[in-house]
Structure formats: structure tokens, C-alpha cells
Amino acid sequence: MSENDKIKVILVGDAFVGKTSLIKVSIGEKFNVAQPATLSASYIPKIFNYNEKQYTFNLWDTSGQEKYKTLTKLFFHDSRIVILVYDITNEKTFNQLDLWYKQINEILDRETYILAIVGNKKDLFNKEKVSPEKGKQFADDKDAKFKLSSAKEDPLDFIEFLEELFKDCIVQKKNLINNEKSKMLNRKGKKSKCCKF
């Protein structure tokens, strides 16, 4: 992975869980109470500097509406970070995460992407229907990172979490590249040994 690569990050989940709002506040836009539902998919680039190098992460926003689910699946390809988002005040959006997770893994190899689970709207804790413990358990079962967030009240907290995912992605990709190089060197070494007389 070079600093010139554009790395795909996709936010997935039911309609009105706050995916669009999380993306917009993460690039410095103000929270919009009347944010309309996403009908297709689009992305917003976010520049991230790490170890004196600059990387571009494309934050993909997808539709969570039932009638667009087949279309949404088309945008999973090549994602390096997948963020499953649910609304802590709506248990149905949490229960749907398993279905979203299965659909993602029909397209992506689980070893190739970093998974995160985000429970959004933590500012509405008095209307909570999904406990933090339940969200964390789901994340642990899927070997995923977990975060409670509020696009409305605490965007900086989500930005910090997002940047941690960026760092993990960069490190993971470099490790994969190094492992491939090691395998190639080992294959070359074995080949040269077997050919000596």
C-alpha cells in the first residue's frame, strides 16, 4: 500500500441509523437533524497522515433501505474497512447486523478487511433498546472493534475511532505485503537449493 492508494471504507446498516451523518461529521460538516435517507451509494474522501505519509480513505455511504439491498451489495467489493452501524434506540437495526454481515462475506474474504461495529445515537441513552454489553458481545463474536457514538453530540470521539481503524488498516496491509514477500523469497530459496548439484 502506498500513500497514493485510495482505500475503501464502507458504512453499512439499516436506513436512518446515522451512516451519512457519521461520514459528514467525520470530515468536519455540521450535523443535520433532517438528513434524508441515502438512496444509492456515494463516497467522500478523507485525507489521513500517518508516519509522515499521506493516505486517502474513501468513505462510502450506502442505502439501508430494503428495496436497495441488492444494489448496496455491489458496493462491497474492494472494501478494506467495513463499519456496521446500528441505532441503539432501535433493536431491529441491531438484529439486522447479522444479515448485513453475511451479505458482506458473500463478497469479501473476512481476512482481507477490518470490521467495526458502531452503535450510534448514544446521546439518546434514555431511549436505549440495545445495551452496550450486547453490542460489545456481537463485536467480540465477529472479531470486530466496537464503539458507541453520537454523530450529533460527540463527532470527535467517532473521528478518533475512525483514525484508529485507518492505522490498523495501513499496518494490516503492510504486514500482508511483507508476508507475501517472505513467501516469495522462501519459494525462490527452495528452488535454488533443489537445483544445486
N, C-alpha and C. Protein backbone atom coordinates (compact mmCIF):
# COMPACT_ATOMS: atom_id res chain seq x y z
N MET A 1 0.84 -1.19 0.00
CA MET A 1 0.00 0.00 0.00
C MET A 1 0.88 1.24 0.00
N SER A 2 0.69 2.09 -0.95
CA SER A 2 1.42 3.36 -0.98
C SER A 2 0.51 4.47 -0.52
N GLU A 3 1.15 5.63 -0.22
CA GLU A 3 0.33 6.75 0.24
C GLU A 3 -0.57 7.29 -0.85
N ASN A 4 -0.34 6.85 -2.10
CA ASN A 4 -1.18 7.31 -3.21
C ASN A 4 -2.43 6.45 -3.40
N ASP A 5 -2.48 5.31 -2.72
CA ASP A 5 -3.64 4.44 -2.84
C ASP A 5 -4.88 5.10 -2.26
N LYS A 6 -6.02 4.80 -2.86
CA LYS A 6 -7.29 5.24 -2.31
C LYS A 6 -7.94 4.02 -1.66
N ILE A 7 -8.10 4.09 -0.35
CA ILE A 7 -8.52 2.93 0.43
C ILE A 7 -10.02 3.03 0.72
N LYS A 8 -10.71 1.95 0.45
CA LYS A 8 -12.17 1.97 0.54
C LYS A 8 -12.66 1.60 1.94
N VAL A 9 -13.47 2.48 2.51
CA VAL A 9 -14.12 2.26 3.80
C VAL A 9 -15.62 2.32 3.54
N ILE A 10 -16.36 1.31 3.97
CA ILE A 10 -17.80 1.31 3.68
C ILE A 10 -18.61 1.21 4.97
N LEU A 11 -19.62 2.07 5.09
CA LEU A 11 -20.52 2.04 6.23
C LEU A 11 -21.81 1.36 5.79
N VAL A 12 -22.22 0.35 6.56
CA VAL A 12 -23.35 -0.50 6.19
C VAL A 12 -24.31 -0.61 7.37
N GLY A 13 -25.60 -0.64 7.08
CA GLY A 13 -26.61 -0.81 8.12
C GLY A 13 -27.96 -0.35 7.63
N ASP A 14 -28.96 -0.54 8.44
CA ASP A 14 -30.32 -0.17 8.06
C ASP A 14 -30.46 1.34 7.85
N ALA A 15 -31.56 1.72 7.21
CA ALA A 15 -31.86 3.13 6.98
C ALA A 15 -32.05 3.87 8.31
N PHE A 16 -31.59 5.10 8.33
CA PHE A 16 -31.78 6.02 9.46
C PHE A 16 -31.02 5.64 10.74
N VAL A 17 -29.95 4.84 10.59
CA VAL A 17 -29.12 4.56 11.77
C VAL A 17 -28.05 5.65 11.95
N GLY A 18 -27.85 6.47 10.91
CA GLY A 18 -26.92 7.60 11.03
C GLY A 18 -25.62 7.45 10.25
N LYS A 19 -25.58 6.58 9.26
CA LYS A 19 -24.35 6.37 8.49
C LYS A 19 -23.89 7.66 7.80
N THR A 20 -24.81 8.31 7.11
CA THR A 20 -24.48 9.55 6.40
C THR A 20 -24.00 10.62 7.37
N SER A 21 -24.67 10.74 8.49
CA SER A 21 -24.29 11.74 9.49
C SER A 21 -22.89 11.48 10.04
N LEU A 22 -22.57 10.22 10.30
CA LEU A 22 -21.24 9.88 10.81
C LEU A 22 -20.16 10.26 9.80
N ILE A 23 -20.41 9.99 8.53
CA ILE A 23 -19.44 10.33 7.50
C ILE A 23 -19.27 11.84 7.41
N LYS A 24 -20.37 12.56 7.39
CA LYS A 24 -20.30 14.01 7.21
C LYS A 24 -19.62 14.71 8.38
N VAL A 25 -19.94 14.30 9.61
CA VAL A 25 -19.28 14.96 10.75
C VAL A 25 -17.80 14.58 10.82
N SER A 26 -17.44 13.42 10.27
CA SER A 26 -16.04 12.99 10.30
C SER A 26 -15.16 13.82 9.38
N ILE A 27 -15.78 14.53 8.42
CA ILE A 27 -14.99 15.42 7.54
C ILE A 27 -15.24 16.88 7.89
N GLY A 28 -15.85 17.12 9.05
CA GLY A 28 -15.97 18.48 9.54
C GLY A 28 -17.28 19.18 9.24
N GLU A 29 -18.23 18.48 8.61
CA GLU A 29 -19.52 19.12 8.35
C GLU A 29 -20.39 19.10 9.61
N LYS A 30 -21.34 20.02 9.67
CA LYS A 30 -22.23 20.09 10.81
C LYS A 30 -23.30 19.01 10.74
N PHE A 31 -23.73 18.56 11.90
CA PHE A 31 -24.78 17.55 11.98
C PHE A 31 -26.09 18.13 11.45
N ASN A 32 -26.77 17.36 10.60
CA ASN A 32 -28.03 17.79 10.01
C ASN A 32 -29.18 16.95 10.58
N VAL A 33 -30.04 17.57 11.37
CA VAL A 33 -31.14 16.86 12.00
C VAL A 33 -32.08 16.26 10.96
N ALA A 34 -32.22 16.94 9.83
CA ALA A 34 -33.16 16.50 8.78
C ALA A 34 -32.45 15.77 7.63
N GLN A 35 -31.40 15.01 7.97
CA GLN A 35 -30.65 14.29 6.94
C GLN A 35 -31.54 13.28 6.22
N PRO A 36 -31.72 13.40 4.89
CA PRO A 36 -32.58 12.46 4.16
C PRO A 36 -31.91 11.08 4.03
N ALA A 37 -32.72 10.08 3.76
CA ALA A 37 -32.20 8.71 3.58
C ALA A 37 -31.36 8.63 2.31
N THR A 38 -30.29 7.83 2.38
CA THR A 38 -29.44 7.59 1.21
C THR A 38 -30.14 6.60 0.28
N LEU A 39 -30.18 6.91 -1.01
CA LEU A 39 -30.90 6.07 -1.96
C LEU A 39 -29.99 5.13 -2.74
N SER A 40 -28.73 5.46 -2.89
CA SER A 40 -27.81 4.59 -3.62
C SER A 40 -26.51 4.49 -2.82
N ALA A 41 -25.42 4.88 -3.40
CA ALA A 41 -24.14 4.88 -2.68
C ALA A 41 -23.25 5.96 -3.28
N SER A 42 -22.46 6.56 -2.41
CA SER A 42 -21.51 7.58 -2.85
C SER A 42 -20.40 7.63 -1.82
N TYR A 43 -19.31 8.30 -2.17
CA TYR A 43 -18.22 8.36 -1.20
C TYR A 43 -17.69 9.78 -1.06
N ILE A 44 -17.06 9.99 0.10
CA ILE A 44 -16.40 11.26 0.39
C ILE A 44 -14.96 10.92 0.79
N PRO A 45 -13.95 11.54 0.16
CA PRO A 45 -12.56 11.25 0.53
C PRO A 45 -12.17 11.93 1.84
N LYS A 46 -11.35 11.25 2.60
CA LYS A 46 -10.80 11.81 3.84
C LYS A 46 -9.30 11.56 3.85
N ILE A 47 -8.53 12.62 3.95
CA ILE A 47 -7.07 12.51 3.96
C ILE A 47 -6.60 12.17 5.37
N PHE A 48 -5.65 11.24 5.45
CA PHE A 48 -5.13 10.83 6.75
C PHE A 48 -3.60 10.74 6.66
N ASN A 49 -2.93 11.43 7.57
CA ASN A 49 -1.46 11.41 7.62
C ASN A 49 -0.99 10.45 8.70
N TYR A 50 -0.06 9.57 8.32
CA TYR A 50 0.43 8.57 9.27
C TYR A 50 1.90 8.27 8.95
N ASN A 51 2.74 8.38 9.96
CA ASN A 51 4.18 8.14 9.78
C ASN A 51 4.75 8.96 8.61
N GLU A 52 4.38 10.24 8.57
CA GLU A 52 4.88 11.19 7.58
C GLU A 52 4.47 10.85 6.15
N LYS A 53 3.42 10.05 6.02
CA LYS A 53 2.88 9.74 4.70
C LYS A 53 1.40 10.11 4.68
N GLN A 54 0.91 10.41 3.50
CA GLN A 54 -0.48 10.81 3.34
C GLN A 54 -1.27 9.72 2.62
N TYR A 55 -2.41 9.37 3.19
CA TYR A 55 -3.27 8.35 2.61
C TYR A 55 -4.66 8.93 2.37
N THR A 56 -5.34 8.43 1.34
CA THR A 56 -6.71 8.85 1.07
C THR A 56 -7.65 7.69 1.35
N PHE A 57 -8.56 7.91 2.28
CA PHE A 57 -9.59 6.91 2.59
C PHE A 57 -10.91 7.40 2.02
N ASN A 58 -11.50 6.63 1.14
CA ASN A 58 -12.81 6.98 0.58
C ASN A 58 -13.90 6.38 1.45
N LEU A 59 -14.68 7.25 2.09
CA LEU A 59 -15.74 6.83 2.99
C LEU A 59 -17.03 6.64 2.20
N TRP A 60 -17.44 5.38 2.03
CA TRP A 60 -18.61 5.06 1.23
C TRP A 60 -19.86 5.00 2.09
N ASP A 61 -20.87 5.71 1.65
CA ASP A 61 -22.18 5.73 2.29
C ASP A 61 -23.12 4.86 1.45
N THR A 62 -23.87 3.97 2.10
CA THR A 62 -24.74 3.06 1.35
C THR A 62 -26.19 3.17 1.84
N SER A 63 -27.09 2.76 1.00
CA SER A 63 -28.50 2.76 1.37
C SER A 63 -28.81 1.56 2.26
N GLY A 64 -29.63 1.81 3.29
CA GLY A 64 -30.04 0.71 4.16
C GLY A 64 -31.46 0.28 3.92
N GLN A 65 -32.11 0.90 2.93
CA GLN A 65 -33.50 0.55 2.66
C GLN A 65 -33.61 -0.83 2.00
N GLU A 66 -34.61 -1.57 2.38
CA GLU A 66 -34.79 -2.95 1.93
C GLU A 66 -34.76 -3.08 0.41
N LYS A 67 -35.44 -2.17 -0.29
CA LYS A 67 -35.55 -2.28 -1.75
C LYS A 67 -34.23 -2.02 -2.46
N TYR A 68 -33.23 -1.46 -1.73
CA TYR A 68 -31.95 -1.17 -2.37
C TYR A 68 -30.84 -2.13 -1.92
N LYS A 69 -31.19 -3.15 -1.12
CA LYS A 69 -30.15 -4.02 -0.55
C LYS A 69 -29.34 -4.75 -1.61
N THR A 70 -29.98 -5.21 -2.66
CA THR A 70 -29.25 -5.91 -3.73
C THR A 70 -28.26 -4.97 -4.40
N LEU A 71 -28.67 -3.74 -4.61
CA LEU A 71 -27.78 -2.74 -5.21
C LEU A 71 -26.63 -2.42 -4.26
N THR A 72 -26.94 -2.30 -2.97
CA THR A 72 -25.92 -1.97 -1.97
C THR A 72 -24.79 -2.99 -1.98
N LYS A 73 -25.14 -4.28 -2.15
CA LYS A 73 -24.12 -5.35 -2.15
C LYS A 73 -23.05 -5.13 -3.21
N LEU A 74 -23.41 -4.49 -4.31
CA LEU A 74 -22.46 -4.25 -5.40
C LEU A 74 -21.31 -3.36 -4.96
N PHE A 75 -21.54 -2.57 -3.92
CA PHE A 75 -20.53 -1.61 -3.49
C PHE A 75 -19.59 -2.17 -2.43
N PHE A 76 -19.79 -3.42 -2.02
CA PHE A 76 -18.92 -4.02 -1.01
C PHE A 76 -17.53 -4.35 -1.54
N HIS A 77 -17.43 -4.58 -2.83
CA HIS A 77 -16.16 -5.02 -3.44
C HIS A 77 -15.00 -4.09 -3.07
N ASP A 78 -13.85 -4.71 -2.77
CA ASP A 78 -12.58 -4.00 -2.52
C ASP A 78 -12.57 -3.16 -1.24
N SER A 79 -13.55 -3.35 -0.37
CA SER A 79 -13.55 -2.60 0.90
C SER A 79 -12.46 -3.14 1.81
N ARG A 80 -11.71 -2.23 2.43
CA ARG A 80 -10.64 -2.60 3.36
C ARG A 80 -11.07 -2.42 4.82
N ILE A 81 -12.07 -1.55 5.02
CA ILE A 81 -12.66 -1.37 6.34
C ILE A 81 -14.18 -1.40 6.17
N VAL A 82 -14.84 -2.24 6.97
CA VAL A 82 -16.30 -2.32 6.94
C VAL A 82 -16.82 -1.90 8.32
N ILE A 83 -17.70 -0.91 8.34
CA ILE A 83 -18.28 -0.44 9.59
C ILE A 83 -19.77 -0.73 9.58
N LEU A 84 -20.19 -1.65 10.43
CA LEU A 84 -21.61 -1.97 10.57
C LEU A 84 -22.21 -1.04 11.62
N VAL A 85 -23.25 -0.32 11.24
CA VAL A 85 -23.84 0.70 12.12
C VAL A 85 -25.27 0.31 12.49
N TYR A 86 -25.58 0.47 13.77
CA TYR A 86 -26.96 0.29 14.23
C TYR A 86 -27.35 1.46 15.13
N ASP A 87 -28.64 1.59 15.36
CA ASP A 87 -29.20 2.64 16.20
C ASP A 87 -29.52 2.03 17.57
N ILE A 88 -28.91 2.54 18.63
CA ILE A 88 -29.09 1.93 19.96
C ILE A 88 -30.53 2.03 20.46
N THR A 89 -31.33 2.89 19.83
CA THR A 89 -32.74 3.03 20.25
C THR A 89 -33.69 2.17 19.43
N ASN A 90 -33.13 1.40 18.49
CA ASN A 90 -33.96 0.59 17.59
C ASN A 90 -33.37 -0.82 17.49
N GLU A 91 -33.96 -1.75 18.25
CA GLU A 91 -33.41 -3.11 18.32
C GLU A 91 -33.41 -3.81 16.96
N LYS A 92 -34.36 -3.50 16.12
CA LYS A 92 -34.44 -4.13 14.80
C LYS A 92 -33.16 -3.86 14.00
N THR A 93 -32.63 -2.64 14.10
CA THR A 93 -31.41 -2.30 13.34
C THR A 93 -30.22 -3.10 13.85
N PHE A 94 -30.23 -3.44 15.13
CA PHE A 94 -29.17 -4.28 15.69
C PHE A 94 -29.32 -5.72 15.22
N ASN A 95 -30.54 -6.22 15.26
CA ASN A 95 -30.81 -7.61 14.85
C ASN A 95 -30.47 -7.84 13.38
N GLN A 96 -30.54 -6.79 12.58
CA GLN A 96 -30.25 -6.90 11.15
C GLN A 96 -28.75 -7.00 10.85
N LEU A 97 -27.91 -6.71 11.84
CA LEU A 97 -26.46 -6.73 11.61
C LEU A 97 -25.96 -8.08 11.13
N ASP A 98 -26.54 -9.15 11.67
CA ASP A 98 -26.12 -10.50 11.24
C ASP A 98 -26.35 -10.70 9.74
N LEU A 99 -27.49 -10.22 9.26
CA LEU A 99 -27.79 -10.34 7.83
C LEU A 99 -26.82 -9.51 7.00
N TRP A 100 -26.54 -8.28 7.43
CA TRP A 100 -25.56 -7.45 6.72
C TRP A 100 -24.19 -8.12 6.70
N TYR A 101 -23.81 -8.68 7.85
CA TYR A 101 -22.50 -9.35 7.96
C TYR A 101 -22.40 -10.53 6.99
N LYS A 102 -23.46 -11.32 6.89
CA LYS A 102 -23.46 -12.46 5.96
C LYS A 102 -23.35 -11.99 4.51
N GLN A 103 -24.08 -10.92 4.18
CA GLN A 103 -24.03 -10.40 2.81
C GLN A 103 -22.63 -9.87 2.46
N ILE A 104 -22.00 -9.23 3.40
CA ILE A 104 -20.64 -8.73 3.18
C ILE A 104 -19.68 -9.88 2.88
N ASN A 105 -19.83 -10.95 3.66
CA ASN A 105 -18.91 -12.08 3.49
C ASN A 105 -19.22 -12.95 2.28
N GLU A 106 -20.33 -12.67 1.61
CA GLU A 106 -20.57 -13.28 0.30
C GLU A 106 -19.70 -12.62 -0.76
N ILE A 107 -19.28 -11.41 -0.49
CA ILE A 107 -18.50 -10.62 -1.45
C ILE A 107 -17.02 -10.55 -1.07
N LEU A 108 -16.76 -10.40 0.23
CA LEU A 108 -15.39 -10.19 0.70
C LEU A 108 -14.87 -11.38 1.49
N ASP A 109 -13.58 -11.61 1.40
CA ASP A 109 -12.91 -12.59 2.25
C ASP A 109 -12.67 -11.92 3.61
N ARG A 110 -13.12 -12.54 4.69
CA ARG A 110 -13.03 -11.94 6.03
C ARG A 110 -11.60 -11.57 6.42
N GLU A 111 -10.63 -12.24 5.84
CA GLU A 111 -9.23 -11.95 6.17
C GLU A 111 -8.71 -10.68 5.51
N THR A 112 -9.48 -10.14 4.58
CA THR A 112 -8.96 -9.01 3.80
C THR A 112 -9.46 -7.65 4.28
N TYR A 113 -10.36 -7.64 5.27
CA TYR A 113 -10.87 -6.34 5.72
C TYR A 113 -10.96 -6.27 7.24
N ILE A 114 -10.93 -5.05 7.75
CA ILE A 114 -11.10 -4.79 9.18
C ILE A 114 -12.57 -4.49 9.43
N LEU A 115 -13.13 -5.11 10.45
CA LEU A 115 -14.55 -4.95 10.76
C LEU A 115 -14.72 -4.15 12.05
N ALA A 116 -15.67 -3.22 12.02
CA ALA A 116 -16.02 -2.45 13.22
C ALA A 116 -17.54 -2.42 13.37
N ILE A 117 -17.98 -2.43 14.61
CA ILE A 117 -19.41 -2.32 14.93
C ILE A 117 -19.61 -1.01 15.67
N VAL A 118 -20.53 -0.18 15.17
CA VAL A 118 -20.78 1.12 15.80
C VAL A 118 -22.24 1.23 16.19
N GLY A 119 -22.48 1.45 17.48
CA GLY A 119 -23.82 1.74 17.98
C GLY A 119 -23.99 3.25 18.02
N ASN A 120 -24.78 3.79 17.13
CA ASN A 120 -24.92 5.24 17.01
C ASN A 120 -26.09 5.76 17.85
N LYS A 121 -26.10 7.08 18.04
CA LYS A 121 -27.14 7.81 18.80
C LYS A 121 -27.04 7.56 20.30
N LYS A 122 -25.81 7.47 20.81
CA LYS A 122 -25.64 7.25 22.25
C LYS A 122 -26.15 8.43 23.07
N ASP A 123 -26.36 9.59 22.43
CA ASP A 123 -26.93 10.74 23.14
C ASP A 123 -28.38 10.47 23.56
N LEU A 124 -29.01 9.47 22.93
CA LEU A 124 -30.40 9.11 23.27
C LEU A 124 -30.42 7.91 24.22
N PHE A 125 -29.48 7.91 25.17
CA PHE A 125 -29.34 6.76 26.08
C PHE A 125 -30.61 6.48 26.88
N ASN A 126 -31.44 7.52 27.09
CA ASN A 126 -32.68 7.31 27.84
C ASN A 126 -33.72 6.52 27.04
N LYS A 127 -33.46 6.36 25.72
CA LYS A 127 -34.36 5.56 24.86
C LYS A 127 -33.68 4.27 24.40
N GLU A 128 -32.59 3.93 25.05
CA GLU A 128 -31.78 2.77 24.64
C GLU A 128 -32.58 1.47 24.65
N LYS A 129 -32.44 0.73 23.55
CA LYS A 129 -33.08 -0.59 23.43
C LYS A 129 -32.03 -1.70 23.30
N VAL A 130 -30.80 -1.30 22.98
CA VAL A 130 -29.70 -2.27 22.84
C VAL A 130 -28.59 -1.85 23.79
N SER A 131 -28.29 -2.71 24.76
CA SER A 131 -27.27 -2.36 25.77
C SER A 131 -25.87 -2.37 25.16
N PRO A 132 -24.94 -1.59 25.73
CA PRO A 132 -23.55 -1.62 25.26
C PRO A 132 -22.96 -3.02 25.33
N GLU A 133 -23.33 -3.77 26.37
CA GLU A 133 -22.81 -5.13 26.55
C GLU A 133 -23.22 -6.04 25.39
N LYS A 134 -24.45 -5.86 24.93
CA LYS A 134 -24.94 -6.67 23.82
C LYS A 134 -24.19 -6.32 22.53
N GLY A 135 -23.98 -5.03 22.31
CA GLY A 135 -23.23 -4.59 21.13
C GLY A 135 -21.80 -5.09 21.17
N LYS A 136 -21.17 -5.00 22.35
CA LYS A 136 -19.78 -5.44 22.50
C LYS A 136 -19.66 -6.95 22.29
N GLN A 137 -20.63 -7.71 22.80
CA GLN A 137 -20.60 -9.17 22.62
C GLN A 137 -20.69 -9.54 21.15
N PHE A 138 -21.55 -8.84 20.42
CA PHE A 138 -21.68 -9.10 18.98
C PHE A 138 -20.35 -8.83 18.28
N ALA A 139 -19.72 -7.72 18.64
CA ALA A 139 -18.44 -7.36 18.04
C ALA A 139 -17.37 -8.41 18.37
N ASP A 140 -17.32 -8.84 19.62
CA ASP A 140 -16.32 -9.85 20.03
C ASP A 140 -16.52 -11.15 19.26
N ASP A 141 -17.79 -11.54 19.06
CA ASP A 141 -18.09 -12.77 18.33
C ASP A 141 -17.62 -12.71 16.88
N LYS A 142 -17.56 -11.50 16.34
CA LYS A 142 -17.17 -11.31 14.93
C LYS A 142 -15.72 -10.84 14.80
N ASP A 143 -14.98 -10.84 15.93
CA ASP A 143 -13.59 -10.36 15.93
C ASP A 143 -13.52 -8.94 15.36
N ALA A 144 -14.40 -8.08 15.89
CA ALA A 144 -14.51 -6.71 15.38
C ALA A 144 -14.26 -5.71 16.50
N LYS A 145 -13.92 -4.49 16.11
CA LYS A 145 -13.80 -3.39 17.06
C LYS A 145 -15.21 -2.88 17.36
N PHE A 146 -15.38 -2.30 18.55
CA PHE A 146 -16.71 -1.82 18.93
C PHE A 146 -16.64 -0.39 19.44
N LYS A 147 -17.68 0.40 19.08
CA LYS A 147 -17.72 1.79 19.53
C LYS A 147 -19.16 2.27 19.64
N LEU A 148 -19.47 2.93 20.75
CA LEU A 148 -20.72 3.68 20.85
C LEU A 148 -20.42 5.10 20.39
N SER A 149 -21.30 5.68 19.61
CA SER A 149 -21.01 7.00 19.05
C SER A 149 -22.26 7.87 19.03
N SER A 150 -22.01 9.15 18.78
CA SER A 150 -23.10 10.09 18.58
C SER A 150 -22.65 11.11 17.54
N ALA A 151 -23.17 10.97 16.33
CA ALA A 151 -22.84 11.94 15.28
C ALA A 151 -23.28 13.34 15.69
N LYS A 152 -24.33 13.40 16.48
CA LYS A 152 -24.90 14.69 16.88
C LYS A 152 -24.09 15.36 17.99
N GLU A 153 -23.76 14.61 19.04
CA GLU A 153 -23.19 15.22 20.24
C GLU A 153 -21.68 15.05 20.39
N ASP A 154 -21.10 14.03 19.76
CA ASP A 154 -19.68 13.74 20.01
C ASP A 154 -18.95 13.27 18.75
N PRO A 155 -18.91 14.11 17.70
CA PRO A 155 -18.26 13.68 16.46
C PRO A 155 -16.77 13.40 16.62
N LEU A 156 -16.09 14.13 17.51
CA LEU A 156 -14.65 13.94 17.68
C LEU A 156 -14.32 12.53 18.16
N ASP A 157 -15.19 11.98 19.00
CA ASP A 157 -14.99 10.62 19.50
C ASP A 157 -15.04 9.62 18.36
N PHE A 158 -15.97 9.81 17.43
CA PHE A 158 -16.06 8.91 16.28
C PHE A 158 -14.86 9.10 15.35
N ILE A 159 -14.42 10.35 15.17
CA ILE A 159 -13.26 10.62 14.31
C ILE A 159 -12.03 9.90 14.84
N GLU A 160 -11.83 9.94 16.15
CA GLU A 160 -10.68 9.25 16.76
C GLU A 160 -10.76 7.75 16.52
N PHE A 161 -11.95 7.20 16.66
CA PHE A 161 -12.16 5.77 16.42
C PHE A 161 -11.87 5.44 14.95
N LEU A 162 -12.36 6.27 14.05
CA LEU A 162 -12.15 6.07 12.62
C LEU A 162 -10.65 6.09 12.29
N GLU A 163 -9.92 7.01 12.89
CA GLU A 163 -8.49 7.12 12.61
C GLU A 163 -7.71 5.93 13.17
N GLU A 164 -8.20 5.34 14.25
CA GLU A 164 -7.59 4.10 14.75
C GLU A 164 -7.79 2.97 13.74
N LEU A 165 -8.96 2.93 13.13
CA LEU A 165 -9.22 1.92 12.09
C LEU A 165 -8.31 2.15 10.88
N PHE A 166 -8.10 3.42 10.53
CA PHE A 166 -7.19 3.75 9.42
C PHE A 166 -5.78 3.20 9.70
N LYS A 167 -5.30 3.44 10.92
CA LYS A 167 -3.96 2.97 11.30
C LYS A 167 -3.88 1.45 11.21
N ASP A 168 -4.89 0.79 11.75
CA ASP A 168 -4.91 -0.68 11.71
C ASP A 168 -4.90 -1.19 10.28
N CYS A 169 -5.63 -0.50 9.40
CA CYS A 169 -5.70 -0.90 8.00
C CYS A 169 -4.34 -0.77 7.32
N ILE A 170 -3.66 0.33 7.57
CA ILE A 170 -2.33 0.56 6.97
C ILE A 170 -1.36 -0.52 7.44
N VAL A 171 -1.36 -0.78 8.74
CA VAL A 171 -0.46 -1.79 9.31
C VAL A 171 -0.79 -3.17 8.77
N GLN A 172 -2.08 -3.51 8.72
CA GLN A 172 -2.51 -4.82 8.22
C GLN A 172 -2.04 -5.03 6.78
N LYS A 173 -2.24 -4.02 5.95
CA LYS A 173 -1.87 -4.13 4.54
C LYS A 173 -0.36 -4.31 4.40
N LYS A 174 0.40 -3.55 5.17
CA LYS A 174 1.87 -3.68 5.10
C LYS A 174 2.31 -5.06 5.55
N ASN A 175 1.66 -5.59 6.58
CA ASN A 175 2.00 -6.94 7.06
C ASN A 175 1.69 -7.99 6.00
N LEU A 176 0.55 -7.83 5.31
CA LEU A 176 0.20 -8.76 4.24
C LEU A 176 1.22 -8.73 3.11
N ILE A 177 1.66 -7.51 2.77
CA ILE A 177 2.67 -7.35 1.71
C ILE A 177 3.99 -8.00 2.13
N ASN A 178 4.39 -7.75 3.38
CA ASN A 178 5.64 -8.33 3.88
C ASN A 178 5.58 -9.85 3.93
N ASN A 179 4.42 -10.39 4.31
CA ASN A 179 4.25 -11.85 4.35
C ASN A 179 4.35 -12.45 2.95
N GLU A 180 3.77 -11.77 1.97
CA GLU A 180 3.85 -12.24 0.59
C GLU A 180 5.29 -12.21 0.09
N LYS A 181 6.02 -11.16 0.45
CA LYS A 181 7.43 -11.06 0.05
C LYS A 181 8.25 -12.18 0.66
N SER A 182 7.97 -12.49 1.94
CA SER A 182 8.68 -13.56 2.62
C SER A 182 8.41 -14.91 1.96
N LYS A 183 7.14 -15.14 1.59
CA LYS A 183 6.77 -16.38 0.92
C LYS A 183 7.49 -16.52 -0.41
N MET A 184 7.57 -15.42 -1.16
CA MET A 184 8.25 -15.44 -2.46
C MET A 184 9.73 -15.74 -2.30
N LEU A 185 10.35 -15.12 -1.29
CA LEU A 185 11.77 -15.36 -1.04
C LEU A 185 12.02 -16.80 -0.63
N ASN A 186 11.12 -17.34 0.19
CA ASN A 186 11.25 -18.73 0.61
C ASN A 186 11.12 -19.69 -0.58
N ARG A 187 10.17 -19.37 -1.47
CA ARG A 187 9.99 -20.21 -2.65
C ARG A 187 11.23 -20.16 -3.55
N LYS A 188 11.79 -18.97 -3.70
CA LYS A 188 13.00 -18.81 -4.52
C LYS A 188 14.16 -19.55 -3.91
N GLY A 189 14.26 -19.46 -2.55
CA GLY A 189 15.35 -20.13 -1.85
C GLY A 189 15.28 -21.63 -2.00
N LYS A 190 14.09 -22.19 -1.88
CA LYS A 190 13.91 -23.64 -2.02
C LYS A 190 14.21 -24.08 -3.44
N LYS A 191 13.80 -23.26 -4.40
CA LYS A 191 14.02 -23.60 -5.80
C LYS A 191 15.51 -23.63 -6.13
N SER A 192 16.26 -22.63 -5.60
CA SER A 192 17.69 -22.56 -5.91
C SER A 192 18.44 -23.72 -5.22
N LYS A 193 17.98 -24.13 -4.03
CA LYS A 193 18.65 -25.22 -3.33
C LYS A 193 18.44 -26.55 -4.06
N CYS A 194 17.20 -26.76 -4.54
CA CYS A 194 16.90 -28.05 -5.16
C CYS A 194 17.60 -28.19 -6.51
N CYS A 195 18.01 -27.09 -7.09
CA CYS A 195 18.63 -27.14 -8.40
C CYS A 195 20.16 -27.24 -8.33
N LYS A 196 20.73 -27.19 -7.11
CA LYS A 196 22.18 -27.30 -6.99
C LYS A 196 22.61 -28.75 -7.01
N PHE A 197 23.79 -29.00 -7.60
CA PHE A 197 24.32 -30.37 -7.68
C PHE A 197 25.57 -30.49 -6.83
